[in-house]
């Protein structure tokens, strides 16, 4: 089974940056995709970004507005999400997840990391 371990969250002031990491293991040689989601208290989990390990295609939610960048390490076992120009509304628990292909829907993902907290202060 796929295992995902996240790190990199923390407390940052508005306008600051963070790099989130998702270390993946247990994949067979399949066309898996890694997505990033976030969830704030009282809100539904929403898709943020996704990268396909097969062809490297990347996708971003509209609310990212060019501020976030997703990338993978050279062996594709680690996926990064660079959070730039952070806003207080970005405050949430961020999760990485694995799916057969990129999707913005949580039900399409079969494996999830533990989550890492991002808090953006004024």
C-alpha atoms as a PDB file:
ATOM      1  CA  UNK A   1       0.000   0.000   0.000  1.00  0.00           C
ATOM      2  CA  UNK A   2       1.051   3.566  -0.623  1.00  0.00           C
ATOM      3  CA  UNK A   3       2.321   5.531   2.354  1.00  0.00           C
ATOM      4  CA  UNK A   4       2.587   9.314   2.361  1.00  0.00           C
ATOM      5  CA  UNK A   5       4.440  11.397   4.937  1.00  0.00           C
ATOM      6  CA  UNK A   6       4.087  15.166   4.965  1.00  0.00           C
ATOM      7  CA  UNK A   7       6.251  17.866   6.482  1.00  0.00           C
ATOM      8  CA  UNK A   8       7.013  21.561   6.187  1.00  0.00           C
ATOM      9  CA  UNK A   9       4.018  23.278   7.733  1.00  0.00           C
ATOM     10  CA  UNK A  10       4.333  26.052  10.252  1.00  0.00           C
ATOM     11  CA  UNK A  11       3.432  29.564  11.262  1.00  0.00           C
ATOM     12  CA  UNK A  12       4.244  32.328   8.805  1.00  0.00           C
ATOM     13  CA  UNK A  13       3.283  35.963   8.378  1.00  0.00           C
ATOM     14  CA  UNK A  14       1.165  37.127   5.471  1.00  0.00           C
ATOM     15  CA  UNK A  15       3.300  37.484   2.372  1.00  0.00           C
ATOM     16  CA  UNK A  16       5.709  34.796   3.514  1.00  0.00           C
ATOM     17  CA  UNK A  17       6.542  31.419   2.020  1.00  0.00           C
ATOM     18  CA  UNK A  18       6.666  27.754   2.990  1.00  0.00           C
ATOM     19  CA  UNK A  19       7.694  24.547   1.261  1.00  0.00           C
ATOM     20  CA  UNK A  20       5.594  21.495   1.973  1.00  0.00           C
ATOM     21  CA  UNK A  21       6.999  18.042   1.278  1.00  0.00           C
ATOM     22  CA  UNK A  22       5.234  14.744   0.615  1.00  0.00           C
ATOM     23  CA  UNK A  23       7.403  11.624   0.747  1.00  0.00           C
ATOM     24  CA  UNK A  24       5.740   8.680  -0.962  1.00  0.00           C
ATOM     25  CA  UNK A  25       6.538   4.974  -0.750  1.00  0.00           C
ATOM     26  CA  UNK A  26       4.907   1.670  -1.593  1.00  0.00           C
ATOM     27  CA  UNK A  27       4.008   2.482  -5.202  1.00  0.00           C
ATOM     28  CA  UNK A  28       3.990  -0.140  -7.861  1.00  0.00           C
ATOM     29  CA  UNK A  29       5.008   1.012 -11.325  1.00  0.00           C
ATOM     30  CA  UNK A  30       1.698   2.646 -12.120  1.00  0.00           C
ATOM     31  CA  UNK A  31       0.586   6.054 -13.361  1.00  0.00           C
ATOM     32  CA  UNK A  32      -0.058   7.515  -9.927  1.00  0.00           C
ATOM     33  CA  UNK A  33      -0.711  11.189  -9.326  1.00  0.00           C
ATOM     34  CA  UNK A  34      -0.051  13.170  -6.155  1.00  0.00           C
ATOM     35  CA  UNK A  35      -2.495  15.880  -5.161  1.00  0.00           C
ATOM     36  CA  UNK A  36      -2.452  18.497  -2.441  1.00  0.00           C
ATOM     37  CA  UNK A  37      -5.643  19.355  -0.567  1.00  0.00           C
ATOM     38  CA  UNK A  38      -6.407  21.649   2.322  1.00  0.00           C
ATOM     39  CA  UNK A  39      -9.108  21.858   4.953  1.00  0.00           C
ATOM     40  CA  UNK A  40      -9.921  24.624   7.397  1.00  0.00           C
ATOM     41  CA  UNK A  41     -12.167  24.076  10.433  1.00  0.00           C
ATOM     42  CA  UNK A  42     -15.818  24.048   9.437  1.00  0.00           C
ATOM     43  CA  UNK A  43     -15.038  23.892   5.717  1.00  0.00           C
ATOM     44  CA  UNK A  44     -14.891  21.072   3.220  1.00  0.00           C
ATOM     45  CA  UNK A  45     -11.606  19.680   1.990  1.00  0.00           C
ATOM     46  CA  UNK A  46     -10.624  21.359  -1.265  1.00  0.00           C
ATOM     47  CA  UNK A  47      -8.150  20.529  -3.981  1.00  0.00           C
ATOM     48  CA  UNK A  48      -5.118  22.798  -4.278  1.00  0.00           C
ATOM     49  CA  UNK A  49      -2.782  21.247  -6.840  1.00  0.00           C
ATOM     50  CA  UNK A  50      -1.862  17.965  -8.486  1.00  0.00           C
ATOM     51  CA  UNK A  51       1.047  16.464 -10.400  1.00  0.00           C
ATOM     52  CA  UNK A  52       1.075  13.356 -12.547  1.00  0.00           C
ATOM     53  CA  UNK A  53       4.079  11.078 -12.013  1.00  0.00           C
ATOM     54  CA  UNK A  54       3.612   9.614 -15.492  1.00  0.00           C
ATOM     55  CA  UNK A  55       3.991  12.720 -17.655  1.00  0.00           C
ATOM     56  CA  UNK A  56       4.665  15.502 -15.150  1.00  0.00           C
ATOM     57  CA  UNK A  57       1.493  17.438 -15.918  1.00  0.00           C
ATOM     58  CA  UNK A  58       0.536  19.910 -13.201  1.00  0.00           C
ATOM     59  CA  UNK A  59      -2.778  21.444 -12.200  1.00  0.00           C
ATOM     60  CA  UNK A  60      -3.764  24.265  -9.862  1.00  0.00           C
ATOM     61  CA  UNK A  61      -6.948  25.480  -8.253  1.00  0.00           C
ATOM     62  CA  UNK A  62      -8.094  28.914  -9.386  1.00  0.00           C
ATOM     63  CA  UNK A  63      -7.669  30.385  -5.909  1.00  0.00           C
ATOM     64  CA  UNK A  64      -3.919  29.748  -6.045  1.00  0.00           C
ATOM     65  CA  UNK A  65      -3.650  32.655  -8.528  1.00  0.00           C
ATOM     66  CA  UNK A  66      -0.085  31.771  -9.476  1.00  0.00           C
ATOM     67  CA  UNK A  67       1.204  31.810  -5.887  1.00  0.00           C
ATOM     68  CA  UNK A  68       1.787  28.072  -5.438  1.00  0.00           C
ATOM     69  CA  UNK A  69       4.020  25.694  -7.374  1.00  0.00           C
ATOM     70  CA  UNK A  70       3.984  21.900  -7.330  1.00  0.00           C
ATOM     71  CA  UNK A  71       7.028  19.872  -8.327  1.00  0.00           C
ATOM     72  CA  UNK A  72       8.560  16.433  -7.845  1.00  0.00           C
ATOM     73  CA  UNK A  73      12.023  15.241  -6.958  1.00  0.00           C
ATOM     74  CA  UNK A  74      14.105  13.638  -9.661  1.00  0.00           C
ATOM     75  CA  UNK A  75      13.076  10.118  -8.604  1.00  0.00           C
ATOM     76  CA  UNK A  76       9.426  11.224  -8.322  1.00  0.00           C
ATOM     77  CA  UNK A  77       9.144   9.802  -4.804  1.00  0.00           C
ATOM     78  CA  UNK A  78       8.906  13.224  -3.188  1.00  0.00           C
ATOM     79  CA  UNK A  79       6.462  15.938  -4.176  1.00  0.00           C
ATOM     80  CA  UNK A  80       6.800  19.536  -3.058  1.00  0.00           C
ATOM     81  CA  UNK A  81       4.297  22.327  -2.816  1.00  0.00           C
ATOM     82  CA  UNK A  82       5.838  25.779  -2.710  1.00  0.00           C
ATOM     83  CA  UNK A  83       3.530  28.266  -1.022  1.00  0.00           C
ATOM     84  CA  UNK A  84       4.378  31.876  -1.830  1.00  0.00           C
ATOM     85  CA  UNK A  85       2.705  35.196  -1.059  1.00  0.00           C
ATOM     86  CA  UNK A  86       0.674  33.505   1.645  1.00  0.00           C
ATOM     87  CA  UNK A  87      -2.591  35.012   2.825  1.00  0.00           C
ATOM     88  CA  UNK A  88      -4.508  34.437   6.073  1.00  0.00           C
ATOM     89  CA  UNK A  89      -7.189  32.606   4.089  1.00  0.00           C
ATOM     90  CA  UNK A  90      -4.553  29.998   3.203  1.00  0.00           C
ATOM     91  CA  UNK A  91      -4.600  28.854   6.834  1.00  0.00           C
ATOM     92  CA  UNK A  92      -5.580  25.176   6.853  1.00  0.00           C
ATOM     93  CA  UNK A  93      -4.346  21.651   7.324  1.00  0.00           C
ATOM     94  CA  UNK A  94      -2.656  20.598   4.090  1.00  0.00           C
ATOM     95  CA  UNK A  95      -2.769  16.979   2.945  1.00  0.00           C
ATOM     96  CA  UNK A  96      -1.112  15.108   0.131  1.00  0.00           C
ATOM     97  CA  UNK A  97      -2.883  12.166  -1.443  1.00  0.00           C
ATOM     98  CA  UNK A  98      -2.413   9.582  -4.190  1.00  0.00           C
ATOM     99  CA  UNK A  99      -4.778   8.694  -7.011  1.00  0.00           C
ATOM    100  CA  UNK A 100      -4.572   6.881 -10.360  1.00  0.00           C
ATOM    101  CA  UNK A 101      -4.681  10.268 -12.077  1.00  0.00           C
ATOM    102  CA  UNK A 102      -5.032  13.928 -11.221  1.00  0.00           C
ATOM    103  CA  UNK A 103      -8.383  15.048  -9.869  1.00  0.00           C
ATOM    104  CA  UNK A 104      -9.763  17.854  -7.716  1.00  0.00           C
ATOM    105  CA  UNK A 105     -12.133  15.509  -5.885  1.00  0.00           C
ATOM    106  CA  UNK A 106     -11.186  13.881  -2.582  1.00  0.00           C
ATOM    107  CA  UNK A 107     -13.122  10.698  -3.335  1.00  0.00           C
ATOM    108  CA  UNK A 108     -10.812   9.973  -6.270  1.00  0.00           C
ATOM    109  CA  UNK A 109      -7.796   9.604  -3.946  1.00  0.00           C
ATOM    110  CA  UNK A 110      -7.111   6.295  -2.221  1.00  0.00           C
ATOM    111  CA  UNK A 111      -4.175   7.147   0.057  1.00  0.00           C
ATOM    112  CA  UNK A 112      -3.625  10.155   2.290  1.00  0.00           C
ATOM    113  CA  UNK A 113      -0.889  11.647   4.383  1.00  0.00           C
ATOM    114  CA  UNK A 114      -1.313  12.726   7.975  1.00  0.00           C
ATOM    115  CA  UNK A 115      -1.612  16.417   7.183  1.00  0.00           C
ATOM    116  CA  UNK A 116       0.562  19.371   8.105  1.00  0.00           C
ATOM    117  CA  UNK A 117      -0.708  22.616   9.579  1.00  0.00           C
ATOM    118  CA  UNK A 118      -0.156  25.923   7.817  1.00  0.00           C
ATOM    119  CA  UNK A 119      -1.059  29.044   9.771  1.00  0.00           C
ATOM    120  CA  UNK A 120      -0.746  32.479   8.175  1.00  0.00           C
ATOM    121  CA  UNK A 121      -0.929  35.448  10.501  1.00  0.00           C
ATOM    122  CA  UNK A 122      -1.432  39.129   9.768  1.00  0.00           C
END
